[in-house]
C-alpha atoms as a PDB file:
ATOM      1  CA  UNK A   1     198.791 117.447 210.637  1.00  0.00           C
ATOM      2  CA  UNK A   2     197.406 118.513 207.234  1.00  0.00           C
ATOM      3  CA  UNK A   3     197.733 116.379 204.162  1.00  0.00           C
ATOM      4  CA  UNK A   4     198.629 118.132 200.952  1.00  0.00           C
ATOM      5  CA  UNK A   5     197.730 116.611 197.632  1.00  0.00           C
ATOM      6  CA  UNK A   6     199.316 117.412 194.334  1.00  0.00           C
ATOM      7  CA  UNK A   7     197.190 117.152 191.244  1.00  0.00           C
ATOM      8  CA  UNK A   8     198.855 116.678 187.887  1.00  0.00           C
ATOM      9  CA  UNK A   9     196.914 116.969 184.704  1.00  0.00           C
ATOM     10  CA  UNK A  10     197.608 117.000 181.012  1.00  0.00           C
ATOM     11  CA  UNK A  11     196.707 120.097 179.077  1.00  0.00           C
ATOM     12  CA  UNK A  12     196.314 120.339 175.325  1.00  0.00           C
ATOM     13  CA  UNK A  13     199.231 122.126 173.702  1.00  0.00           C
ATOM     14  CA  UNK A  14     196.790 123.396 171.061  1.00  0.00           C
ATOM     15  CA  UNK A  15     193.773 124.642 173.024  1.00  0.00           C
ATOM     16  CA  UNK A  16     194.993 124.694 176.616  1.00  0.00           C
ATOM     17  CA  UNK A  17     192.040 122.569 177.788  1.00  0.00           C
ATOM     18  CA  UNK A  18     192.570 119.970 180.490  1.00  0.00           C
ATOM     19  CA  UNK A  19     192.678 116.382 179.197  1.00  0.00           C
ATOM     20  CA  UNK A  20     191.868 113.172 181.018  1.00  0.00           C
ATOM     21  CA  UNK A  21     194.577 110.504 181.039  1.00  0.00           C
ATOM     22  CA  UNK A  22     192.303 108.197 179.031  1.00  0.00           C
ATOM     23  CA  UNK A  23     191.705 110.678 176.204  1.00  0.00           C
ATOM     24  CA  UNK A  24     195.010 112.516 175.857  1.00  0.00           C
ATOM     25  CA  UNK A  25     196.876 111.788 172.632  1.00  0.00           C
ATOM     26  CA  UNK A  26     200.662 112.120 172.505  1.00  0.00           C
ATOM     27  CA  UNK A  27     201.749 113.292 169.060  1.00  0.00           C
ATOM     28  CA  UNK A  28     205.335 113.264 167.776  1.00  0.00           C
ATOM     29  CA  UNK A  29     206.233 115.945 165.239  1.00  0.00           C
ATOM     30  CA  UNK A  30     209.357 115.212 163.219  1.00  0.00           C
ATOM     31  CA  UNK A  31     211.338 116.929 160.483  1.00  0.00           C
ATOM     32  CA  UNK A  32     209.701 120.376 160.757  1.00  0.00           C
ATOM     33  CA  UNK A  33     212.063 122.801 159.035  1.00  0.00           C
ATOM     34  CA  UNK A  34     211.301 125.666 161.451  1.00  0.00           C
ATOM     35  CA  UNK A  35     212.026 123.652 164.611  1.00  0.00           C
ATOM     36  CA  UNK A  36     215.509 122.572 165.712  1.00  0.00           C
ATOM     37  CA  UNK A  37     214.570 119.011 166.758  1.00  0.00           C
ATOM     38  CA  UNK A  38     211.714 116.507 166.921  1.00  0.00           C
ATOM     39  CA  UNK A  39     208.977 117.548 169.378  1.00  0.00           C
ATOM     40  CA  UNK A  40     205.993 115.977 171.143  1.00  0.00           C
ATOM     41  CA  UNK A  41     202.688 117.505 172.155  1.00  0.00           C
ATOM     42  CA  UNK A  42     199.550 116.435 174.014  1.00  0.00           C
ATOM     43  CA  UNK A  43     196.177 116.979 172.337  1.00  0.00           C
ATOM     44  CA  UNK A  44     192.532 115.931 172.510  1.00  0.00           C
ATOM     45  CA  UNK A  45     191.274 113.454 169.892  1.00  0.00           C
ATOM     46  CA  UNK A  46     188.953 116.101 168.433  1.00  0.00           C
ATOM     47  CA  UNK A  47     191.933 118.378 167.795  1.00  0.00           C
ATOM     48  CA  UNK A  48     193.542 115.764 165.562  1.00  0.00           C
ATOM     49  CA  UNK A  49     190.553 115.963 163.195  1.00  0.00           C
ATOM     50  CA  UNK A  50     191.512 119.540 162.262  1.00  0.00           C
ATOM     51  CA  UNK A  51     194.874 118.422 160.844  1.00  0.00           C
ATOM     52  CA  UNK A  52     194.803 117.981 157.073  1.00  0.00           C
ATOM     53  CA  UNK A  53     196.988 115.018 156.214  1.00  0.00           C
ATOM     54  CA  UNK A  54     198.412 113.534 153.033  1.00  0.00           C
ATOM     55  CA  UNK A  55     198.122 109.826 152.287  1.00  0.00           C
ATOM     56  CA  UNK A  56     200.619 107.612 150.521  1.00  0.00           C
ATOM     57  CA  UNK A  57     203.743 109.604 151.398  1.00  0.00           C
ATOM     58  CA  UNK A  58     207.056 107.913 150.711  1.00  0.00           C
ATOM     59  CA  UNK A  59     210.215 108.889 152.591  1.00  0.00           C
ATOM     60  CA  UNK A  60     213.360 109.394 150.531  1.00  0.00           C
ATOM     61  CA  UNK A  61     216.804 109.755 152.099  1.00  0.00           C
ATOM     62  CA  UNK A  62     219.521 111.202 149.856  1.00  0.00           C
ATOM     63  CA  UNK A  63     223.085 110.226 150.841  1.00  0.00           C
ATOM     64  CA  UNK A  64     225.715 112.597 149.452  1.00  0.00           C
ATOM     65  CA  UNK A  65     229.372 111.509 148.979  1.00  0.00           C
ATOM     66  CA  UNK A  66     230.507 114.006 151.655  1.00  0.00           C
ATOM     67  CA  UNK A  67     228.366 112.249 154.314  1.00  0.00           C
ATOM     68  CA  UNK A  68     225.510 114.751 154.277  1.00  0.00           C
ATOM     69  CA  UNK A  69     221.991 113.277 154.241  1.00  0.00           C
ATOM     70  CA  UNK A  70     218.707 114.941 153.325  1.00  0.00           C
ATOM     71  CA  UNK A  71     215.221 113.610 154.109  1.00  0.00           C
ATOM     72  CA  UNK A  72     212.616 114.236 151.410  1.00  0.00           C
ATOM     73  CA  UNK A  73     208.973 113.190 151.119  1.00  0.00           C
ATOM     74  CA  UNK A  74     206.952 112.631 147.982  1.00  0.00           C
ATOM     75  CA  UNK A  75     203.605 111.072 147.228  1.00  0.00           C
ATOM     76  CA  UNK A  76     203.559 107.484 146.053  1.00  0.00           C
ATOM     77  CA  UNK A  77     202.244 108.704 142.681  1.00  0.00           C
ATOM     78  CA  UNK A  78     205.267 111.022 142.232  1.00  0.00           C
ATOM     79  CA  UNK A  79     207.679 108.217 143.147  1.00  0.00           C
ATOM     80  CA  UNK A  80     205.959 105.944 140.613  1.00  0.00           C
ATOM     81  CA  UNK A  81     206.398 108.622 137.926  1.00  0.00           C
ATOM     82  CA  UNK A  82     210.049 109.120 138.893  1.00  0.00           C
ATOM     83  CA  UNK A  83     211.195 105.464 138.901  1.00  0.00           C
ATOM     84  CA  UNK A  84     209.459 102.531 137.224  1.00  0.00           C
ATOM     85  CA  UNK A  85     207.950 100.230 139.868  1.00  0.00           C
ATOM     86  CA  UNK A  86     209.741  97.231 138.331  1.00  0.00           C
ATOM     87  CA  UNK A  87     213.096  98.966 138.893  1.00  0.00           C
ATOM     88  CA  UNK A  88     212.152  99.834 142.470  1.00  0.00           C
ATOM     89  CA  UNK A  89     211.070  96.264 143.271  1.00  0.00           C
ATOM     90  CA  UNK A  90     214.362  94.944 141.856  1.00  0.00           C
ATOM     91  CA  UNK A  91     216.505  97.430 143.812  1.00  0.00           C
ATOM     92  CA  UNK A  92     218.740  96.395 146.729  1.00  0.00           C
ATOM     93  CA  UNK A  93     217.251  96.322 150.227  1.00  0.00           C
ATOM     94  CA  UNK A  94     218.428  99.083 152.540  1.00  0.00           C
ATOM     95  CA  UNK A  95     219.623  96.468 155.048  1.00  0.00           C
ATOM     96  CA  UNK A  96     222.356  94.027 154.231  1.00  0.00           C
ATOM     97  CA  UNK A  97     225.030  93.965 151.573  1.00  0.00           C
ATOM     98  CA  UNK A  98     224.279  95.365 148.120  1.00  0.00           C
ATOM     99  CA  UNK A  99     224.210  92.979 145.179  1.00  0.00           C
ATOM    100  CA  UNK A 100     227.522  92.606 143.337  1.00  0.00           C
ATOM    101  CA  UNK A 101     229.462  94.398 146.069  1.00  0.00           C
ATOM    102  CA  UNK A 102     232.736  93.409 147.622  1.00  0.00           C
ATOM    103  CA  UNK A 103     233.412  93.758 151.357  1.00  0.00           C
ATOM    104  CA  UNK A 104     235.006  97.098 152.137  1.00  0.00           C
ATOM    105  CA  UNK A 105     233.898  98.700 148.877  1.00  0.00           C
ATOM    106  CA  UNK A 106     230.221  99.480 149.705  1.00  0.00           C
END
């Protein structure tokens, strides 16, 4: 009787090179306008270095009266120009009831 082995390996979605289990990075990609949903890829650590990133991004969710929501991103510097930091610090938390609100009228 012969024994058959099955070998599974991870392959980089960028370069196609085989990755060891100890080095493979799983990367989630969200909110890409050209893709219909969030995706995940496997890559080598060296492939991450080629990605130019932006620091200090702030997520902004806009809630329209009709129920539509839009996710926007801006740098922290742009947010600080847009709204005074004192106003932002004094704003209501996203969780919990808003200040001066009555139940059922939020």
